[in-house]
């Protein structure tokens, strides 16, 4: 299976924006969230349409040297995305933060997500951090990141549970500055 991970520009943003509601729906099962009064997965009831939600995401294409929105393609078809943030959108001492990571359900369990993550990790060398839901509803996500990071770092990563700017999370950290 041919996997491509491509940094997107504004002209490609609509592809990720089309996938984004699927991602938010997926997360709703992990966090037991419901859509707002307008049927949109957003915290605010002020967001009434997907078009309005698209506007919220524009920041990812407005800061090209700080925020990196990657599209995952499988056999040329959009399959997911990875959003990478750098300072000032990271915790102190962190160079790169996996802000969002999504692969459509029908492609999970085939090695695509791990390969895509590795491609992006190899693009940037430094101290990395990512969060995932620590609760039982996200066992698959936790197992994925443990396996992915164990394979990528040969076991040289840390995992702790704690408070973050996004609530109580499982926090993974690793440093790939000395890897090939």
N, C-alpha and C. Protein backbone atom coordinates (compact mmCIF):
# COMPACT_ATOMS: atom_id res chain seq x y z
N UNK A 1 0.84 -1.17 0.00
CA UNK A 1 0.00 0.00 0.00
C UNK A 1 0.88 1.24 0.00
N UNK A 2 0.64 2.14 -0.94
CA UNK A 2 1.44 3.35 -1.05
C UNK A 2 0.90 4.42 -0.09
N UNK A 3 1.79 4.87 0.81
CA UNK A 3 1.45 5.89 1.80
C UNK A 3 2.25 7.15 1.48
N UNK A 4 1.57 8.27 1.46
CA UNK A 4 2.22 9.56 1.25
C UNK A 4 1.78 10.48 2.37
N UNK A 5 2.71 11.27 2.88
CA UNK A 5 2.40 12.28 3.88
C UNK A 5 2.89 13.60 3.30
N UNK A 6 1.94 14.50 3.10
CA UNK A 6 2.25 15.73 2.37
C UNK A 6 1.88 16.96 3.20
N UNK A 7 2.85 17.88 3.34
CA UNK A 7 2.58 19.15 3.99
C UNK A 7 1.63 19.93 3.09
N UNK A 8 0.53 20.41 3.66
CA UNK A 8 -0.48 21.09 2.84
C UNK A 8 -0.29 22.60 2.87
N UNK A 9 -0.80 23.21 1.83
CA UNK A 9 -0.84 24.66 1.72
C UNK A 9 -2.30 25.08 1.74
N UNK A 10 -2.54 26.39 1.75
CA UNK A 10 -3.92 26.90 1.82
C UNK A 10 -4.81 26.31 0.74
N UNK A 11 -4.26 26.09 -0.45
CA UNK A 11 -5.08 25.57 -1.55
C UNK A 11 -5.53 24.13 -1.29
N UNK A 12 -4.86 23.41 -0.39
CA UNK A 12 -5.22 22.03 -0.04
C UNK A 12 -5.98 21.94 1.28
N UNK A 13 -6.13 23.05 1.97
CA UNK A 13 -6.71 23.04 3.32
C UNK A 13 -8.10 22.41 3.33
N UNK A 14 -8.86 22.60 2.28
CA UNK A 14 -10.23 22.08 2.25
C UNK A 14 -10.27 20.56 2.43
N UNK A 15 -9.23 19.86 2.00
CA UNK A 15 -9.23 18.39 2.13
C UNK A 15 -9.20 18.00 3.60
N UNK A 16 -8.29 18.62 4.35
CA UNK A 16 -8.22 18.33 5.78
C UNK A 16 -9.49 18.82 6.47
N UNK A 17 -9.99 19.97 6.07
CA UNK A 17 -11.22 20.50 6.67
C UNK A 17 -12.41 19.58 6.41
N UNK A 18 -12.41 18.88 5.28
CA UNK A 18 -13.47 17.90 5.00
C UNK A 18 -13.36 16.69 5.92
N UNK A 19 -12.13 16.30 6.28
CA UNK A 19 -11.91 15.16 7.17
C UNK A 19 -12.12 15.52 8.65
N UNK A 20 -11.96 16.79 8.98
CA UNK A 20 -11.95 17.21 10.38
C UNK A 20 -13.23 16.85 11.14
N UNK A 21 -14.42 17.01 10.58
CA UNK A 21 -15.62 16.59 11.33
C UNK A 21 -15.63 15.10 11.67
N UNK A 22 -15.03 14.28 10.81
CA UNK A 22 -14.93 12.84 11.10
C UNK A 22 -14.03 12.62 12.32
N UNK A 23 -12.96 13.38 12.38
CA UNK A 23 -12.04 13.31 13.51
C UNK A 23 -12.75 13.71 14.81
N UNK A 24 -13.47 14.82 14.78
CA UNK A 24 -14.17 15.27 15.98
C UNK A 24 -15.25 14.28 16.40
N UNK A 25 -15.92 13.69 15.43
CA UNK A 25 -16.90 12.64 15.75
C UNK A 25 -16.21 11.46 16.41
N UNK A 26 -15.06 11.06 15.87
CA UNK A 26 -14.27 9.97 16.43
C UNK A 26 -13.91 10.26 17.89
N UNK A 27 -13.43 11.47 18.15
CA UNK A 27 -13.06 11.86 19.50
C UNK A 27 -14.25 11.88 20.45
N UNK A 28 -15.43 12.15 19.93
CA UNK A 28 -16.61 12.24 20.80
C UNK A 28 -16.84 10.94 21.55
N UNK A 29 -16.48 9.82 20.96
CA UNK A 29 -16.62 8.54 21.63
C UNK A 29 -15.63 8.34 22.75
N UNK A 30 -14.45 8.94 22.63
CA UNK A 30 -13.42 8.83 23.66
C UNK A 30 -13.71 9.74 24.85
N UNK A 31 -14.32 10.88 24.56
CA UNK A 31 -14.53 11.88 25.61
C UNK A 31 -16.00 12.06 25.98
N UNK A 32 -16.86 11.22 25.42
CA UNK A 32 -18.30 11.27 25.68
C UNK A 32 -18.86 12.67 25.45
N UNK A 33 -18.52 13.25 24.30
CA UNK A 33 -19.00 14.57 23.94
C UNK A 33 -20.16 14.46 22.97
N UNK A 34 -21.02 15.44 23.04
CA UNK A 34 -22.14 15.55 22.11
C UNK A 34 -21.92 16.77 21.23
N UNK A 35 -22.56 16.80 20.08
CA UNK A 35 -22.45 18.01 19.26
C UNK A 35 -23.15 19.19 19.95
N UNK A 36 -22.85 20.39 19.49
CA UNK A 36 -23.52 21.57 20.03
C UNK A 36 -24.97 21.60 19.54
N UNK A 37 -25.70 22.64 19.87
CA UNK A 37 -27.12 22.71 19.53
C UNK A 37 -27.37 22.75 18.02
N UNK A 38 -26.33 23.00 17.24
CA UNK A 38 -26.45 23.06 15.78
C UNK A 38 -25.97 21.78 15.09
N UNK A 39 -25.56 20.78 15.89
CA UNK A 39 -25.10 19.52 15.32
C UNK A 39 -23.65 19.51 14.91
N UNK A 40 -22.88 20.47 15.41
CA UNK A 40 -21.46 20.59 15.09
C UNK A 40 -20.66 20.19 16.33
N UNK A 41 -19.62 19.41 16.15
CA UNK A 41 -18.74 19.07 17.27
C UNK A 41 -17.80 20.24 17.53
N UNK A 42 -18.27 21.18 18.30
CA UNK A 42 -17.51 22.34 18.76
C UNK A 42 -17.99 22.67 20.17
N UNK A 43 -17.10 23.22 20.98
CA UNK A 43 -17.47 23.55 22.35
C UNK A 43 -18.47 24.70 22.41
N UNK A 44 -18.41 25.58 21.45
CA UNK A 44 -19.27 26.76 21.45
C UNK A 44 -20.52 26.54 20.62
N UNK A 45 -21.65 27.01 21.14
CA UNK A 45 -22.89 26.98 20.37
C UNK A 45 -22.91 28.08 19.31
N UNK A 46 -21.92 28.95 19.33
CA UNK A 46 -21.84 30.02 18.33
C UNK A 46 -21.47 29.47 16.95
N UNK A 47 -20.82 28.32 16.90
CA UNK A 47 -20.46 27.71 15.63
C UNK A 47 -21.69 26.96 15.11
N UNK A 48 -22.26 27.47 14.00
CA UNK A 48 -23.52 26.93 13.49
C UNK A 48 -23.36 26.03 12.28
N UNK A 49 -22.27 26.19 11.53
CA UNK A 49 -22.11 25.43 10.29
C UNK A 49 -20.68 24.90 10.18
N UNK A 50 -20.51 23.91 9.33
CA UNK A 50 -19.16 23.42 9.06
C UNK A 50 -18.31 24.52 8.44
N UNK A 51 -18.92 25.38 7.65
CA UNK A 51 -18.19 26.49 7.04
C UNK A 51 -17.58 27.39 8.13
N UNK A 52 -18.36 27.66 9.18
CA UNK A 52 -17.82 28.45 10.30
C UNK A 52 -16.71 27.69 11.01
N UNK A 53 -16.86 26.38 11.14
CA UNK A 53 -15.82 25.57 11.78
C UNK A 53 -14.53 25.62 10.96
N UNK A 54 -14.67 25.64 9.64
CA UNK A 54 -13.49 25.72 8.78
C UNK A 54 -12.66 26.96 9.10
N UNK A 55 -13.34 28.08 9.38
CA UNK A 55 -12.63 29.31 9.69
C UNK A 55 -11.76 29.19 10.92
N UNK A 56 -12.21 28.43 11.91
CA UNK A 56 -11.46 28.24 13.15
C UNK A 56 -10.13 27.54 12.85
N UNK A 57 -10.13 26.66 11.87
CA UNK A 57 -8.94 25.87 11.55
C UNK A 57 -7.92 26.62 10.69
N UNK A 58 -8.27 27.79 10.19
CA UNK A 58 -7.39 28.51 9.26
C UNK A 58 -6.02 28.82 9.82
N UNK A 59 -5.88 28.93 11.14
CA UNK A 59 -4.59 29.25 11.74
C UNK A 59 -3.50 28.29 11.26
N UNK A 60 -3.88 27.04 10.96
CA UNK A 60 -2.88 26.04 10.54
C UNK A 60 -2.22 26.38 9.22
N UNK A 61 -2.84 27.20 8.41
CA UNK A 61 -2.27 27.59 7.13
C UNK A 61 -1.81 29.04 7.13
N UNK A 62 -1.91 29.71 8.27
CA UNK A 62 -1.51 31.11 8.37
C UNK A 62 -0.14 31.29 9.00
N UNK A 63 0.43 30.23 9.57
CA UNK A 63 1.73 30.30 10.24
C UNK A 63 2.64 29.18 9.72
N UNK A 64 3.08 29.30 8.46
CA UNK A 64 3.78 28.19 7.80
C UNK A 64 5.13 27.80 8.39
N UNK A 65 5.76 28.64 9.19
CA UNK A 65 7.04 28.26 9.80
C UNK A 65 6.88 27.81 11.25
N UNK A 66 5.62 27.74 11.72
CA UNK A 66 5.36 27.40 13.12
C UNK A 66 4.40 26.22 13.23
N UNK A 67 3.38 26.19 12.35
CA UNK A 67 2.36 25.14 12.37
C UNK A 67 2.42 24.37 11.05
N UNK A 68 2.38 23.04 11.15
CA UNK A 68 2.58 22.19 9.98
C UNK A 68 1.43 21.19 9.83
N UNK A 69 0.48 21.48 8.93
CA UNK A 69 -0.65 20.58 8.70
C UNK A 69 -0.34 19.57 7.59
N UNK A 70 -0.20 18.31 7.96
CA UNK A 70 0.12 17.25 7.01
C UNK A 70 -1.13 16.45 6.67
N UNK A 71 -1.24 16.11 5.42
CA UNK A 71 -2.31 15.23 4.92
C UNK A 71 -1.72 13.85 4.70
N UNK A 72 -2.42 12.82 5.17
CA UNK A 72 -2.02 11.44 4.94
C UNK A 72 -2.83 10.93 3.75
N UNK A 73 -2.13 10.37 2.77
CA UNK A 73 -2.79 9.79 1.60
C UNK A 73 -2.45 8.31 1.53
N UNK A 74 -3.45 7.50 1.23
CA UNK A 74 -3.27 6.07 1.02
C UNK A 74 -3.71 5.77 -0.40
N UNK A 75 -2.77 5.31 -1.21
CA UNK A 75 -3.05 5.05 -2.63
C UNK A 75 -3.63 6.29 -3.29
N UNK A 76 -3.16 7.47 -2.88
CA UNK A 76 -3.57 8.73 -3.47
C UNK A 76 -4.87 9.31 -2.92
N UNK A 77 -5.53 8.59 -2.02
CA UNK A 77 -6.81 9.03 -1.46
C UNK A 77 -6.59 9.61 -0.06
N UNK A 78 -7.22 10.75 0.26
CA UNK A 78 -7.08 11.30 1.61
C UNK A 78 -7.51 10.28 2.67
N UNK A 79 -6.63 10.08 3.64
CA UNK A 79 -6.86 9.05 4.66
C UNK A 79 -6.78 9.60 6.08
N UNK A 80 -6.26 10.80 6.26
CA UNK A 80 -6.12 11.36 7.59
C UNK A 80 -5.22 12.57 7.57
N UNK A 81 -4.83 12.99 8.76
CA UNK A 81 -3.97 14.17 8.86
C UNK A 81 -3.18 14.13 10.16
N UNK A 82 -2.11 14.92 10.16
CA UNK A 82 -1.26 15.10 11.34
C UNK A 82 -0.95 16.59 11.43
N UNK A 83 -1.26 17.20 12.57
CA UNK A 83 -0.94 18.61 12.80
C UNK A 83 0.22 18.68 13.77
N UNK A 84 1.32 19.32 13.35
CA UNK A 84 2.51 19.48 14.17
C UNK A 84 2.68 20.95 14.52
N UNK A 85 2.84 21.22 15.80
CA UNK A 85 3.05 22.58 16.27
C UNK A 85 4.46 22.73 16.83
N UNK A 86 4.99 23.93 16.71
CA UNK A 86 6.28 24.27 17.29
C UNK A 86 6.07 25.48 18.21
N UNK A 87 7.11 25.86 19.00
CA UNK A 87 6.94 27.01 19.89
C UNK A 87 6.46 28.24 19.10
N UNK A 88 5.56 29.00 19.66
CA UNK A 88 5.10 29.04 21.05
C UNK A 88 3.90 28.14 21.35
N UNK A 89 3.56 27.23 20.45
CA UNK A 89 2.40 26.35 20.63
C UNK A 89 2.77 25.01 21.25
N UNK A 90 3.89 24.97 21.96
CA UNK A 90 4.35 23.76 22.67
C UNK A 90 4.64 24.14 24.11
N UNK A 91 4.72 23.13 24.95
CA UNK A 91 5.17 23.35 26.32
C UNK A 91 6.64 23.75 26.32
N UNK A 92 7.06 24.43 27.36
CA UNK A 92 8.45 24.86 27.49
C UNK A 92 9.39 23.66 27.40
N UNK A 93 10.44 23.79 26.62
CA UNK A 93 11.42 22.72 26.46
C UNK A 93 11.07 21.71 25.38
N UNK A 94 9.93 21.88 24.74
CA UNK A 94 9.49 20.97 23.67
C UNK A 94 9.66 21.68 22.33
N UNK A 95 10.21 20.95 21.36
CA UNK A 95 10.41 21.52 20.02
C UNK A 95 9.23 21.25 19.09
N UNK A 96 8.61 20.07 19.25
CA UNK A 96 7.54 19.66 18.34
C UNK A 96 6.43 18.97 19.11
N UNK A 97 5.20 19.33 18.78
CA UNK A 97 4.03 18.79 19.47
C UNK A 97 3.05 18.23 18.44
N UNK A 98 2.66 16.98 18.64
CA UNK A 98 1.64 16.38 17.78
C UNK A 98 0.30 16.88 18.30
N UNK A 99 -0.22 17.89 17.65
CA UNK A 99 -1.44 18.55 18.11
C UNK A 99 -2.69 17.75 17.76
N UNK A 100 -2.73 17.20 16.55
CA UNK A 100 -3.87 16.40 16.10
C UNK A 100 -3.32 15.26 15.26
N UNK A 101 -3.95 14.09 15.37
CA UNK A 101 -3.54 12.93 14.57
C UNK A 101 -4.79 12.12 14.28
N UNK A 102 -5.05 11.87 13.01
CA UNK A 102 -6.28 11.17 12.64
C UNK A 102 -6.05 10.30 11.42
N UNK A 103 -6.60 9.09 11.47
CA UNK A 103 -6.65 8.19 10.33
C UNK A 103 -8.06 7.62 10.27
N UNK A 104 -8.66 7.62 9.08
CA UNK A 104 -10.04 7.13 8.98
C UNK A 104 -10.10 5.67 9.44
N UNK A 105 -11.23 5.31 10.02
CA UNK A 105 -11.37 4.01 10.67
C UNK A 105 -11.12 2.83 9.74
N UNK A 106 -11.55 2.91 8.50
CA UNK A 106 -11.41 1.76 7.60
C UNK A 106 -9.96 1.43 7.26
N UNK A 107 -9.03 2.34 7.57
CA UNK A 107 -7.61 2.09 7.28
C UNK A 107 -6.78 1.79 8.52
N UNK A 108 -7.40 1.76 9.67
CA UNK A 108 -6.66 1.50 10.91
C UNK A 108 -6.26 0.03 11.00
N UNK A 109 -5.16 -0.21 11.71
CA UNK A 109 -4.69 -1.57 11.92
C UNK A 109 -3.90 -2.13 10.75
N UNK A 110 -3.53 -1.29 9.79
CA UNK A 110 -2.80 -1.74 8.60
C UNK A 110 -1.38 -1.18 8.53
N UNK A 111 -0.94 -0.49 9.61
CA UNK A 111 0.41 0.07 9.63
C UNK A 111 0.52 1.45 9.01
N UNK A 112 -0.57 1.97 8.49
CA UNK A 112 -0.54 3.27 7.81
C UNK A 112 -0.24 4.40 8.79
N UNK A 113 -0.92 4.39 9.93
CA UNK A 113 -0.75 5.47 10.91
C UNK A 113 0.69 5.51 11.42
N UNK A 114 1.25 4.34 11.74
CA UNK A 114 2.62 4.32 12.25
C UNK A 114 3.61 4.79 11.19
N UNK A 115 3.41 4.36 9.97
CA UNK A 115 4.31 4.79 8.89
C UNK A 115 4.20 6.30 8.69
N UNK A 116 2.98 6.84 8.71
CA UNK A 116 2.78 8.28 8.55
C UNK A 116 3.45 9.04 9.69
N UNK A 117 3.27 8.58 10.93
CA UNK A 117 3.89 9.24 12.07
C UNK A 117 5.41 9.23 11.93
N UNK A 118 5.98 8.10 11.53
CA UNK A 118 7.43 8.01 11.37
C UNK A 118 7.94 8.97 10.30
N UNK A 119 7.20 9.10 9.21
CA UNK A 119 7.60 10.03 8.15
C UNK A 119 7.67 11.45 8.69
N UNK A 120 6.67 11.84 9.47
CA UNK A 120 6.67 13.19 10.03
C UNK A 120 7.75 13.34 11.08
N UNK A 121 7.92 12.37 11.97
CA UNK A 121 8.97 12.45 12.98
C UNK A 121 10.34 12.64 12.33
N UNK A 122 10.57 11.93 11.24
CA UNK A 122 11.86 12.03 10.56
C UNK A 122 12.10 13.41 9.92
N UNK A 123 11.04 14.17 9.71
CA UNK A 123 11.17 15.50 9.10
C UNK A 123 11.81 16.51 10.06
N UNK A 124 11.62 16.28 11.36
CA UNK A 124 12.02 17.26 12.36
C UNK A 124 12.76 16.56 13.50
N UNK A 125 13.93 17.05 13.81
CA UNK A 125 14.72 16.48 14.91
C UNK A 125 14.63 17.38 16.13
N UNK A 126 14.33 16.78 17.28
CA UNK A 126 14.24 17.55 18.51
C UNK A 126 13.46 16.81 19.57
N UNK A 127 12.99 17.57 20.55
CA UNK A 127 12.21 17.02 21.66
C UNK A 127 10.73 17.09 21.29
N UNK A 128 10.08 15.94 21.33
CA UNK A 128 8.69 15.79 20.93
C UNK A 128 7.79 15.52 22.12
N UNK A 129 6.53 15.91 21.96
CA UNK A 129 5.52 15.62 22.96
C UNK A 129 4.19 15.39 22.24
N UNK A 130 3.38 14.49 22.81
CA UNK A 130 2.01 14.30 22.33
C UNK A 130 1.17 13.83 23.50
N UNK A 131 -0.11 14.11 23.40
CA UNK A 131 -1.07 13.70 24.43
C UNK A 131 -2.10 12.77 23.83
N UNK A 132 -2.62 11.88 24.66
CA UNK A 132 -3.77 11.08 24.26
C UNK A 132 -4.65 10.85 25.48
N UNK A 133 -5.88 10.51 25.22
CA UNK A 133 -6.86 10.25 26.28
C UNK A 133 -6.38 9.04 27.09
N UNK A 134 -6.27 9.19 28.43
CA UNK A 134 -5.74 8.11 29.26
C UNK A 134 -6.78 7.09 29.72
N UNK A 135 -8.02 7.28 29.34
CA UNK A 135 -9.08 6.46 29.90
C UNK A 135 -9.36 5.21 29.06
N UNK A 136 -10.13 4.31 29.64
CA UNK A 136 -10.39 3.00 29.05
C UNK A 136 -10.97 3.07 27.64
N UNK A 137 -11.76 4.08 27.35
CA UNK A 137 -12.37 4.19 26.01
C UNK A 137 -11.34 4.42 24.92
N UNK A 138 -10.10 4.73 25.30
CA UNK A 138 -9.06 4.98 24.31
C UNK A 138 -7.90 4.00 24.43
N UNK A 139 -8.18 2.79 24.83
CA UNK A 139 -7.13 1.76 24.94
C UNK A 139 -6.40 1.59 23.60
N UNK A 140 -7.15 1.58 22.51
CA UNK A 140 -6.53 1.40 21.19
C UNK A 140 -5.55 2.53 20.88
N UNK A 141 -5.92 3.75 21.20
CA UNK A 141 -5.03 4.89 20.95
C UNK A 141 -3.78 4.82 21.81
N UNK A 142 -3.94 4.45 23.06
CA UNK A 142 -2.79 4.32 23.95
C UNK A 142 -1.84 3.24 23.45
N UNK A 143 -2.40 2.09 23.07
CA UNK A 143 -1.57 0.98 22.55
C UNK A 143 -0.86 1.38 21.28
N UNK A 144 -1.58 2.13 20.42
CA UNK A 144 -0.96 2.58 19.17
C UNK A 144 0.28 3.42 19.46
N UNK A 145 0.13 4.43 20.33
CA UNK A 145 1.27 5.32 20.58
C UNK A 145 2.41 4.58 21.28
N UNK A 146 2.10 3.67 22.20
CA UNK A 146 3.18 2.90 22.84
C UNK A 146 3.96 2.09 21.81
N UNK A 147 3.25 1.40 20.95
CA UNK A 147 3.89 0.58 19.92
C UNK A 147 4.66 1.45 18.93
N UNK A 148 4.00 2.49 18.44
CA UNK A 148 4.62 3.37 17.46
C UNK A 148 5.91 3.99 18.00
N UNK A 149 5.82 4.56 19.20
CA UNK A 149 7.00 5.22 19.77
C UNK A 149 8.06 4.23 20.21
N UNK A 150 7.66 3.06 20.67
CA UNK A 150 8.63 2.04 21.03
C UNK A 150 9.42 1.61 19.80
N UNK A 151 8.72 1.38 18.71
CA UNK A 151 9.40 1.01 17.47
C UNK A 151 10.28 2.14 16.95
N UNK A 152 9.76 3.36 16.97
CA UNK A 152 10.49 4.50 16.40
C UNK A 152 11.73 4.84 17.22
N UNK A 153 11.59 4.82 18.56
CA UNK A 153 12.70 5.25 19.43
C UNK A 153 13.50 4.08 20.00
N UNK A 154 13.13 2.86 19.64
CA UNK A 154 13.73 1.66 20.23
C UNK A 154 13.56 1.68 21.75
N UNK A 155 12.38 2.11 22.19
CA UNK A 155 12.03 2.11 23.60
C UNK A 155 12.43 3.35 24.38
N UNK A 156 13.07 4.31 23.73
CA UNK A 156 13.58 5.50 24.43
C UNK A 156 12.55 6.64 24.42
N UNK A 157 11.43 6.41 25.09
CA UNK A 157 10.41 7.45 25.25
C UNK A 157 9.87 7.38 26.66
N UNK A 158 9.22 8.44 27.10
CA UNK A 158 8.60 8.44 28.41
C UNK A 158 7.09 8.55 28.26
N UNK A 159 6.41 8.01 29.25
CA UNK A 159 4.95 8.05 29.28
C UNK A 159 4.53 8.32 30.72
N UNK A 160 3.76 9.38 30.90
CA UNK A 160 3.21 9.70 32.22
C UNK A 160 1.77 10.17 32.05
N UNK A 161 1.00 10.07 33.10
CA UNK A 161 -0.33 10.65 33.12
C UNK A 161 -0.27 11.90 33.97
N UNK A 162 -0.94 12.96 33.49
CA UNK A 162 -0.94 14.19 34.27
C UNK A 162 -1.78 15.27 33.64
N UNK A 163 -1.85 16.38 34.33
CA UNK A 163 -2.61 17.54 33.86
C UNK A 163 -1.84 18.24 32.74
N UNK A 164 -2.58 18.63 31.73
CA UNK A 164 -2.03 19.37 30.59
C UNK A 164 -2.93 20.57 30.33
N UNK A 165 -2.58 21.37 29.34
CA UNK A 165 -3.45 22.48 28.94
C UNK A 165 -4.76 21.93 28.35
N UNK A 166 -4.79 20.63 28.09
CA UNK A 166 -5.97 19.98 27.53
C UNK A 166 -6.60 19.00 28.52
N UNK A 167 -6.43 19.26 29.80
CA UNK A 167 -6.99 18.38 30.83
C UNK A 167 -6.05 17.23 31.17
N UNK A 168 -6.58 16.25 31.88
CA UNK A 168 -5.80 15.08 32.31
C UNK A 168 -5.56 14.18 31.10
N UNK A 169 -4.30 13.90 30.79
CA UNK A 169 -3.94 13.16 29.59
C UNK A 169 -2.80 12.19 29.86
N UNK A 170 -2.61 11.25 28.94
CA UNK A 170 -1.38 10.47 28.90
C UNK A 170 -0.43 11.28 28.03
N UNK A 171 0.76 11.54 28.56
CA UNK A 171 1.74 12.40 27.90
C UNK A 171 2.92 11.53 27.47
N UNK A 172 3.22 11.56 26.19
CA UNK A 172 4.37 10.84 25.65
C UNK A 172 5.42 11.87 25.24
N UNK A 173 6.69 11.56 25.54
CA UNK A 173 7.80 12.43 25.14
C UNK A 173 8.95 11.57 24.62
N UNK A 174 9.63 12.12 23.62
CA UNK A 174 10.84 11.47 23.12
C UNK A 174 11.72 12.52 22.44
N UNK A 175 12.96 12.16 22.23
CA UNK A 175 13.94 13.04 21.60
C UNK A 175 14.58 12.27 20.46
N UNK A 176 14.44 12.77 19.25
CA UNK A 176 15.00 12.07 18.09
C UNK A 176 16.19 12.80 17.48
N UNK A 177 16.83 13.67 18.24
CA UNK A 177 17.98 14.41 17.70
C UNK A 177 19.15 13.51 17.36
N UNK A 178 19.28 12.39 18.04
CA UNK A 178 20.42 11.50 17.80
C UNK A 178 20.06 10.28 16.95
N UNK A 179 18.85 10.29 16.37
CA UNK A 179 18.47 9.15 15.53
C UNK A 179 18.77 9.45 14.08
N UNK A 180 18.81 8.42 13.27
CA UNK A 180 19.14 8.58 11.83
C UNK A 180 18.03 9.24 11.08
